[in-house]
Protein backbone atom coordinates (compact mmCIF):
# COMPACT_ATOMS: atom_id res chain seq x y z
CA UNK A 1 -0.02 0.00 -0.02
CA UNK A 2 1.23 3.49 -0.74
CA UNK A 3 2.20 5.80 2.00
CA UNK A 4 -0.15 8.48 0.64
CA UNK A 5 -3.15 6.23 1.03
CA UNK A 6 -1.93 5.33 4.63
CA UNK A 7 -1.50 9.08 5.56
CA UNK A 8 -4.98 9.95 4.28
CA UNK A 9 -6.58 6.95 6.03
CA UNK A 10 -4.91 7.72 9.34
CA UNK A 11 -5.58 11.45 9.08
CA UNK A 12 -9.24 10.84 8.52
CA UNK A 13 -9.43 8.25 11.25
CA UNK A 14 -7.96 10.69 13.69
CA UNK A 15 -10.37 13.47 12.55
CA UNK A 16 -7.66 15.77 11.28
CA UNK A 17 -7.81 18.05 8.40
CA UNK A 18 -4.90 18.42 5.92
CA UNK A 19 -4.39 21.94 7.56
CA UNK A 20 -4.29 20.56 11.12
CA UNK A 21 -1.87 17.77 10.24
CA UNK A 22 0.31 20.25 8.28
CA UNK A 23 0.41 22.64 11.34
CA UNK A 24 1.32 19.66 13.63
CA UNK A 25 4.16 18.71 11.41
CA UNK A 26 5.26 22.29 10.62
CA UNK A 27 4.76 21.81 6.88
CA UNK A 28 2.28 23.36 4.45
CA UNK A 29 -1.05 21.97 3.70
CA UNK A 30 0.03 21.50 0.09
CA UNK A 31 2.84 19.19 1.29
CA UNK A 32 0.27 16.91 2.98
CA UNK A 33 -1.90 17.11 -0.24
CA UNK A 34 1.10 15.97 -2.31
CA UNK A 35 1.81 13.08 0.01
CA UNK A 36 -1.71 11.97 -0.01
CA UNK A 37 -2.00 12.14 -3.77
CA UNK A 38 1.17 10.29 -4.35
CA UNK A 39 2.87 13.29 -6.03
CA UNK A 40 5.34 13.61 -3.10
CA UNK A 41 7.06 11.61 -0.42
CA UNK A 42 7.67 12.90 3.11
CA UNK A 43 11.22 12.98 4.31
CA UNK A 44 12.54 11.20 7.29
CA UNK A 45 11.76 14.00 9.76
CA UNK A 46 8.17 14.16 8.53
CA UNK A 47 7.96 10.33 8.78
CA UNK A 48 9.00 10.49 12.39
CA UNK A 49 6.38 13.30 12.94
CA UNK A 50 3.68 11.19 11.23
CA UNK A 51 4.68 8.17 13.36
CA UNK A 52 4.37 10.33 16.63
CA UNK A 53 1.15 11.97 15.51
CA UNK A 54 -0.68 8.73 14.56
CA UNK A 55 1.08 6.53 17.20
CA UNK A 56 2.29 4.00 14.69
CA UNK A 57 5.76 2.59 14.15
CA UNK A 58 8.05 4.21 11.66
CA UNK A 59 8.60 0.81 10.07
CA UNK A 60 4.88 0.63 9.15
CA UNK A 61 5.21 3.88 7.27
CA UNK A 62 8.57 3.27 5.62
CA UNK A 63 7.93 -0.32 4.62
CA UNK A 64 4.54 0.76 3.15
CA UNK A 65 6.15 2.00 -0.06
CA UNK A 66 9.31 1.25 -1.95
CA UNK A 67 9.24 5.00 -2.93
CA UNK A 68 9.72 6.00 0.69
CA UNK A 69 12.55 3.48 1.17
CA UNK A 70 14.27 4.81 -1.82
CA UNK A 71 13.91 8.42 -0.82
CA UNK A 72 15.50 7.67 2.64
CA UNK A 73 18.39 5.87 0.96
CA UNK A 74 18.95 8.84 -1.45
CA UNK A 75 18.69 11.44 1.23
CA UNK A 76 21.17 9.52 3.38
CA UNK A 77 23.59 9.30 0.43
CA UNK A 78 23.00 12.89 -0.46
CA UNK A 79 24.08 13.97 3.18
CA UNK A 80 27.28 11.91 2.88
CA UNK A 81 28.16 13.54 -0.34
CA UNK A 82 27.48 17.07 1.07
CA UNK A 83 29.74 16.24 4.00
CA UNK A 84 32.57 15.12 1.60
CA UNK A 85 32.21 18.27 -0.47
CA UNK A 86 32.33 20.47 2.74
CA UNK A 87 35.49 18.56 3.79
CA UNK A 88 37.00 19.07 0.34
CA UNK A 89 36.25 22.87 0.22
CA UNK A 90 37.74 23.37 3.76
CA UNK A 91 40.80 21.52 2.55
CA UNK A 92 41.06 23.93 -0.36
CA UNK A 93 40.69 26.94 2.00
CA UNK A 94 43.61 25.54 3.94
CA UNK A 95 45.58 25.30 0.73
CA UNK A 96 44.84 28.91 -0.17
CA UNK A 97 45.87 30.01 3.36
CA UNK A 98 49.03 27.94 3.18
CA UNK A 99 50.09 29.58 -0.17
CA UNK A 100 49.20 33.08 1.17
CA UNK A 101 51.37 32.65 4.39
CA UNK A 102 54.26 30.60 3.00
CA UNK A 103 54.60 31.78 -0.58
CA UNK A 104 52.94 35.17 -0.37
CA UNK A 105 50.65 34.17 -3.21
CA UNK A 106 47.19 35.53 -2.61
CA UNK A 107 44.39 33.84 -4.69
CA UNK A 108 41.57 36.23 -4.01
CA UNK A 109 39.23 35.05 -6.73
CA UNK A 110 39.80 31.35 -5.96
CA UNK A 111 39.34 32.07 -2.24
CA UNK A 112 36.07 33.94 -2.83
CA UNK A 113 34.67 31.24 -5.00
CA UNK A 114 35.64 28.51 -2.64
CA UNK A 115 34.08 30.36 0.40
CA UNK A 116 30.96 31.02 -1.61
CA UNK A 117 30.63 27.29 -2.46
CA UNK A 118 31.32 26.34 1.10
CA UNK A 119 28.70 28.63 2.27
CA UNK A 120 26.10 27.05 -0.07
CA UNK A 121 27.07 23.56 0.99
CA UNK A 122 26.85 24.47 4.59
CA UNK A 123 23.37 25.99 4.04
CA UNK A 124 22.03 22.93 2.25
CA UNK A 125 23.66 20.63 4.87
CA UNK A 126 22.15 22.28 7.88
CA UNK A 127 19.01 23.81 6.51
CA UNK A 128 16.58 21.17 7.47
CA UNK A 129 18.17 20.48 10.85
CA UNK A 130 18.01 24.25 11.82
CA UNK A 131 14.40 24.63 10.62
CA UNK A 132 13.23 21.47 12.43
CA UNK A 133 14.88 22.62 15.69
CA UNK A 134 13.30 26.03 15.44
CA UNK A 135 9.85 24.47 14.76
CA UNK A 136 10.25 22.28 17.79
CA UNK A 137 11.23 25.21 20.06
CA UNK A 138 7.97 27.06 19.14
CA UNK A 139 5.81 24.15 20.31
């Protein structure tokens, strides 16, 4: 059974509107609608939230759909790649600093581009964690 059908059934059994469920999970009503219609798949943070809201195991939600299992695997791999890219960019910054201090070669353009890319990677990597923590603090 697809996770969208399960979410809709559980939501209706618990007497929640899409808006109420969305507010509880700190997502938009459109996100809940996409999950229920099969046009989207909740990420792991939202699966945990759904599990808590409906008092069912995470396994029931994850194993309900191959799409959900695949998304979790891809998200996990994506985080690993972002971490590797961050390490690589920090190494490049170290390289730039070394050449500036030891050889008096200042690579301004390269340094700015590397810092810009590092900023983007850090933003992507930490964005969901920061938003989730902020949402939990407001409860």
